[in-house]
Amino acid sequence: MKKLLTITLTFTLLAQFTFAGGNKEKENTGDNTKLSLYIPGFLVKAAAGFIDEKDYETKCALKKLRSISITVREGNAYKEYLAKRYEKKVKKLERQHFENLVSVRDDEDKVSIQLRQNKKDKIRQVAIITDDGSSEFVFLRVRCNVTPDDLQDWLGA
């Protein structure tokens, strides 16, 4: 009964965060996807409680996450969001002292993976930005508290 109550509460909160706000008239016209989702850390940690002990690495990884933010713009919603958004996001991350880990450009497609560390070399945030230059934009930000030792444990190195 306790698990059922927790799952129901989790899905209710996720639905509230997912569908809160927005202009409903623009969202339903034409071919578009407009999603902004924020998953707070306590929900991620609650989800870690449902993982079996057999999958120890996944459980530990979820416990290290603080929050997740996802923004998706596709189709007509992308045109409203403007193609210049990729450069603006990258510059904003640079101002916030993110380090560029990987950046790939192919024709109009652009992908950037950036991270931010504190003075103790803990990874505090990871940001992934993708833009195809014509119809799709995705921005993912994961706030976390991961040490290099954690990464080595998870990757088995």
C-alpha atoms as a PDB file:
ATOM      1  CA  MET A   1       0.000   0.000   0.000  1.00  0.00           C
ATOM      2  CA  LYS A   2       2.862   2.347   0.858  1.00  0.00           C
ATOM      3  CA  LYS A   3       4.522   1.751  -2.541  1.00  0.00           C
ATOM      4  CA  LEU A   4       1.231   2.370  -4.367  1.00  0.00           C
ATOM      5  CA  LEU A   5       0.761   5.665  -2.532  1.00  0.00           C
ATOM      6  CA  THR A   6       4.353   6.731  -3.323  1.00  0.00           C
ATOM      7  CA  ILE A   7       3.994   5.836  -7.015  1.00  0.00           C
ATOM      8  CA  THR A   8       0.677   7.698  -7.290  1.00  0.00           C
ATOM      9  CA  LEU A   9       2.137  10.775  -5.596  1.00  0.00           C
ATOM     10  CA  THR A  10       5.211  10.659  -7.856  1.00  0.00           C
ATOM     11  CA  PHE A  11       3.187  10.481 -11.061  1.00  0.00           C
ATOM     12  CA  THR A  12       0.849  13.233  -9.875  1.00  0.00           C
ATOM     13  CA  LEU A  13       3.773  15.554  -9.187  1.00  0.00           C
ATOM     14  CA  LEU A  14       5.459  14.664 -12.498  1.00  0.00           C
ATOM     15  CA  ALA A  15       2.250  15.399 -14.383  1.00  0.00           C
ATOM     16  CA  GLN A  16       1.932  18.707 -12.576  1.00  0.00           C
ATOM     17  CA  PHE A  17       5.504  19.731 -13.449  1.00  0.00           C
ATOM     18  CA  THR A  18       5.130  18.556 -17.052  1.00  0.00           C
ATOM     19  CA  PHE A  19       1.840  20.161 -17.943  1.00  0.00           C
ATOM     20  CA  ALA A  20       2.007  23.323 -15.832  1.00  0.00           C
ATOM     21  CA  GLY A  21       1.848  26.600 -17.730  1.00  0.00           C
ATOM     22  CA  GLY A  22       2.168  27.063 -21.464  1.00  0.00           C
ATOM     23  CA  ASN A  23      -0.087  28.379 -24.176  1.00  0.00           C
ATOM     24  CA  LYS A  24      -2.499  25.552 -24.978  1.00  0.00           C
ATOM     25  CA  GLU A  25      -3.719  27.144 -28.231  1.00  0.00           C
ATOM     26  CA  LYS A  26      -0.244  27.199 -29.795  1.00  0.00           C
ATOM     27  CA  GLU A  27       0.656  23.735 -28.498  1.00  0.00           C
ATOM     28  CA  ASN A  28      -2.168  21.996 -30.357  1.00  0.00           C
ATOM     29  CA  THR A  29      -1.799  23.637 -33.783  1.00  0.00           C
ATOM     30  CA  GLY A  30       0.242  21.826 -36.405  1.00  0.00           C
ATOM     31  CA  ASP A  31       3.240  19.557 -36.020  1.00  0.00           C
ATOM     32  CA  ASN A  32       5.083  20.572 -32.860  1.00  0.00           C
ATOM     33  CA  THR A  33       6.426  19.409 -29.537  1.00  0.00           C
ATOM     34  CA  LYS A  34       6.928  21.843 -26.706  1.00  0.00           C
ATOM     35  CA  LEU A  35       8.090  20.299 -23.442  1.00  0.00           C
ATOM     36  CA  SER A  36       9.755  21.761 -20.385  1.00  0.00           C
ATOM     37  CA  LEU A  37      10.170  19.270 -17.576  1.00  0.00           C
ATOM     38  CA  TYR A  38      11.807  19.667 -14.166  1.00  0.00           C
ATOM     39  CA  ILE A  39      12.256  16.623 -11.948  1.00  0.00           C
ATOM     40  CA  PRO A  40      13.289  17.591  -8.411  1.00  0.00           C
ATOM     41  CA  GLY A  41      15.932  15.616  -6.585  1.00  0.00           C
ATOM     42  CA  PHE A  42      13.640  14.123  -3.968  1.00  0.00           C
ATOM     43  CA  LEU A  43      11.646  12.382  -6.718  1.00  0.00           C
ATOM     44  CA  VAL A  44      14.833  10.993  -8.251  1.00  0.00           C
ATOM     45  CA  LYS A  45      15.970   9.727  -4.850  1.00  0.00           C
ATOM     46  CA  ALA A  46      12.505   8.230  -4.249  1.00  0.00           C
ATOM     47  CA  ALA A  47      12.785   6.393  -7.580  1.00  0.00           C
ATOM     48  CA  ALA A  48      16.130   4.967  -6.418  1.00  0.00           C
ATOM     49  CA  GLY A  49      14.242   3.246  -3.606  1.00  0.00           C
ATOM     50  CA  PHE A  50      12.364   1.114  -6.142  1.00  0.00           C
ATOM     51  CA  ILE A  51      15.532  -0.269  -7.774  1.00  0.00           C
ATOM     52  CA  ASP A  52      16.623  -3.776  -6.794  1.00  0.00           C
ATOM     53  CA  GLU A  53      19.874  -4.285  -4.944  1.00  0.00           C
ATOM     54  CA  LYS A  54      21.061  -6.360  -7.928  1.00  0.00           C
ATOM     55  CA  ASP A  55      21.350  -3.140  -9.951  1.00  0.00           C
ATOM     56  CA  TYR A  56      23.606  -1.426  -7.432  1.00  0.00           C
ATOM     57  CA  GLU A  57      25.312   0.981  -9.900  1.00  0.00           C
ATOM     58  CA  THR A  58      22.006   2.425 -11.110  1.00  0.00           C
ATOM     59  CA  LYS A  59      20.759   2.833  -7.561  1.00  0.00           C
ATOM     60  CA  CYS A  60      23.953   4.653  -6.518  1.00  0.00           C
ATOM     61  CA  ALA A  61      23.838   6.876  -9.608  1.00  0.00           C
ATOM     62  CA  LEU A  62      20.242   7.918  -8.916  1.00  0.00           C
ATOM     63  CA  LYS A  63      21.097   8.740  -5.316  1.00  0.00           C
ATOM     64  CA  LYS A  64      23.854  11.094  -6.538  1.00  0.00           C
ATOM     65  CA  LEU A  65      21.457  13.118  -8.747  1.00  0.00           C
ATOM     66  CA  ARG A  66      19.987  16.343  -7.388  1.00  0.00           C
ATOM     67  CA  SER A  67      17.590  17.341 -10.175  1.00  0.00           C
ATOM     68  CA  ILE A  68      16.943  16.992 -13.900  1.00  0.00           C
ATOM     69  CA  SER A  69      15.715  19.688 -16.318  1.00  0.00           C
ATOM     70  CA  ILE A  70      14.682  18.900 -19.899  1.00  0.00           C
ATOM     71  CA  THR A  71      13.580  21.317 -22.628  1.00  0.00           C
ATOM     72  CA  VAL A  72      12.403  20.016 -26.012  1.00  0.00           C
ATOM     73  CA  ARG A  73      11.272  22.143 -28.956  1.00  0.00           C
ATOM     74  CA  GLU A  74      10.283  20.507 -32.232  1.00  0.00           C
ATOM     75  CA  GLY A  75       8.364  21.472 -35.378  1.00  0.00           C
ATOM     76  CA  ASN A  76       6.459  24.768 -35.168  1.00  0.00           C
ATOM     77  CA  ALA A  77       7.521  25.159 -31.527  1.00  0.00           C
ATOM     78  CA  TYR A  78      11.164  25.139 -32.721  1.00  0.00           C
ATOM     79  CA  LYS A  79      10.523  27.997 -35.137  1.00  0.00           C
ATOM     80  CA  GLU A  80       8.993  30.036 -32.326  1.00  0.00           C
ATOM     81  CA  TYR A  81      11.970  29.194 -30.101  1.00  0.00           C
ATOM     82  CA  LEU A  82      14.429  30.421 -32.757  1.00  0.00           C
ATOM     83  CA  ALA A  83      17.415  28.608 -34.189  1.00  0.00           C
ATOM     84  CA  LYS A  84      19.842  30.974 -32.396  1.00  0.00           C
ATOM     85  CA  ARG A  85      18.956  29.437 -29.051  1.00  0.00           C
ATOM     86  CA  TYR A  86      21.827  26.915 -29.242  1.00  0.00           C
ATOM     87  CA  GLU A  87      24.523  29.612 -29.262  1.00  0.00           C
ATOM     88  CA  LYS A  88      22.767  31.531 -26.480  1.00  0.00           C
ATOM     89  CA  LYS A  89      22.639  28.436 -24.269  1.00  0.00           C
ATOM     90  CA  VAL A  90      26.309  27.601 -24.911  1.00  0.00           C
ATOM     91  CA  LYS A  91      27.399  31.172 -24.076  1.00  0.00           C
ATOM     92  CA  LYS A  92      25.275  31.172 -20.919  1.00  0.00           C
ATOM     93  CA  LEU A  93      26.875  27.899 -19.800  1.00  0.00           C
ATOM     94  CA  GLU A  94      30.333  29.401 -20.433  1.00  0.00           C
ATOM     95  CA  ARG A  95      29.420  32.363 -18.196  1.00  0.00           C
ATOM     96  CA  GLN A  96      28.360  29.851 -15.536  1.00  0.00           C
ATOM     97  CA  HIS A  97      31.872  28.287 -15.689  1.00  0.00           C
ATOM     98  CA  PHE A  98      30.952  25.081 -17.520  1.00  0.00           C
ATOM     99  CA  GLU A  99      33.779  23.223 -19.268  1.00  0.00           C
ATOM    100  CA  ASN A 100      33.185  22.031 -22.815  1.00  0.00           C
ATOM    101  CA  LEU A 101      33.686  18.268 -22.739  1.00  0.00           C
ATOM    102  CA  VAL A 102      32.598  17.416 -26.316  1.00  0.00           C
ATOM    103  CA  SER A 103      31.302  19.587 -29.126  1.00  0.00           C
ATOM    104  CA  VAL A 104      30.255  18.145 -32.510  1.00  0.00           C
ATOM    105  CA  ARG A 105      29.084  20.001 -35.607  1.00  0.00           C
ATOM    106  CA  ASP A 106      27.939  18.314 -38.819  1.00  0.00           C
ATOM    107  CA  ASP A 107      26.273  20.517 -41.449  1.00  0.00           C
ATOM    108  CA  GLU A 108      23.511  22.166 -39.419  1.00  0.00           C
ATOM    109  CA  ASP A 109      23.515  19.575 -36.606  1.00  0.00           C
ATOM    110  CA  LYS A 110      25.176  20.655 -33.359  1.00  0.00           C
ATOM    111  CA  VAL A 111      25.749  18.742 -30.125  1.00  0.00           C
ATOM    112  CA  SER A 112      27.544  19.957 -27.023  1.00  0.00           C
ATOM    113  CA  ILE A 113      28.238  18.157 -23.754  1.00  0.00           C
ATOM    114  CA  GLN A 114      29.465  20.376 -20.939  1.00  0.00           C
ATOM    115  CA  LEU A 115      30.095  19.895 -17.257  1.00  0.00           C
ATOM    116  CA  ARG A 116      30.725  21.981 -14.210  1.00  0.00           C
ATOM    117  CA  GLN A 117      32.973  20.919 -11.353  1.00  0.00           C
ATOM    118  CA  ASN A 118      33.643  22.389  -7.954  1.00  0.00           C
ATOM    119  CA  LYS A 119      37.092  22.964  -6.435  1.00  0.00           C
ATOM    120  CA  LYS A 120      37.158  19.415  -5.053  1.00  0.00           C
ATOM    121  CA  ASP A 121      36.743  18.001  -8.603  1.00  0.00           C
ATOM    122  CA  LYS A 122      33.196  16.810  -7.936  1.00  0.00           C
ATOM    123  CA  ILE A 123      30.950  16.991 -10.987  1.00  0.00           C
ATOM    124  CA  ARG A 124      28.101  19.289  -9.989  1.00  0.00           C
ATOM    125  CA  GLN A 125      26.242  19.708 -13.285  1.00  0.00           C
ATOM    126  CA  VAL A 126      26.168  18.117 -16.734  1.00  0.00           C
ATOM    127  CA  ALA A 127      24.489  19.886 -19.673  1.00  0.00           C
ATOM    128  CA  ILE A 128      23.729  18.372 -23.071  1.00  0.00           C
ATOM    129  CA  ILE A 129      22.476  20.588 -25.906  1.00  0.00           C
ATOM    130  CA  THR A 130      21.417  19.308 -29.331  1.00  0.00           C
ATOM    131  CA  ASP A 131      20.124  21.296 -32.296  1.00  0.00           C
ATOM    132  CA  ASP A 132      19.549  20.026 -35.822  1.00  0.00           C
ATOM    133  CA  GLY A 133      19.372  23.568 -37.195  1.00  0.00           C
ATOM    134  CA  SER A 134      15.929  23.256 -38.728  1.00  0.00           C
ATOM    135  CA  SER A 135      13.328  21.592 -36.536  1.00  0.00           C
ATOM    136  CA  GLU A 136      14.579  20.112 -33.236  1.00  0.00           C
ATOM    137  CA  PHE A 137      16.227  21.481 -30.096  1.00  0.00           C
ATOM    138  CA  VAL A 138      16.870  19.556 -26.849  1.00  0.00           C
ATOM    139  CA  PHE A 139      18.497  20.882 -23.673  1.00  0.00           C
ATOM    140  CA  LEU A 140      19.175  18.534 -20.756  1.00  0.00           C
ATOM    141  CA  ARG A 141      20.688  19.677 -17.459  1.00  0.00           C
ATOM    142  CA  VAL A 142      21.473  17.223 -14.699  1.00  0.00           C
ATOM    143  CA  ARG A 143      22.471  18.570 -11.330  1.00  0.00           C
ATOM    144  CA  CYS A 144      24.461  15.986  -9.415  1.00  0.00           C
ATOM    145  CA  ASN A 145      27.164  15.325  -6.848  1.00  0.00           C
ATOM    146  CA  VAL A 146      29.512  12.819  -8.511  1.00  0.00           C
ATOM    147  CA  THR A 147      33.177  12.203  -7.692  1.00  0.00           C
ATOM    148  CA  PRO A 148      35.741  10.768 -10.134  1.00  0.00           C
ATOM    149  CA  ASP A 149      35.831   7.631  -7.936  1.00  0.00           C
ATOM    150  CA  ASP A 150      32.067   7.205  -8.454  1.00  0.00           C
ATOM    151  CA  LEU A 151      32.558   7.323 -12.214  1.00  0.00           C
ATOM    152  CA  GLN A 152      35.317   4.715 -12.058  1.00  0.00           C
ATOM    153  CA  ASP A 153      33.120   2.439  -9.939  1.00  0.00           C
ATOM    154  CA  TRP A 154      30.178   2.727 -12.346  1.00  0.00           C
ATOM    155  CA  LEU A 155      32.298   2.221 -15.458  1.00  0.00           C
ATOM    156  CA  GLY A 156      34.180  -0.693 -13.907  1.00  0.00           C
ATOM    157  CA  ALA A 157      37.619   0.838 -14.547  1.00  0.00           C
END
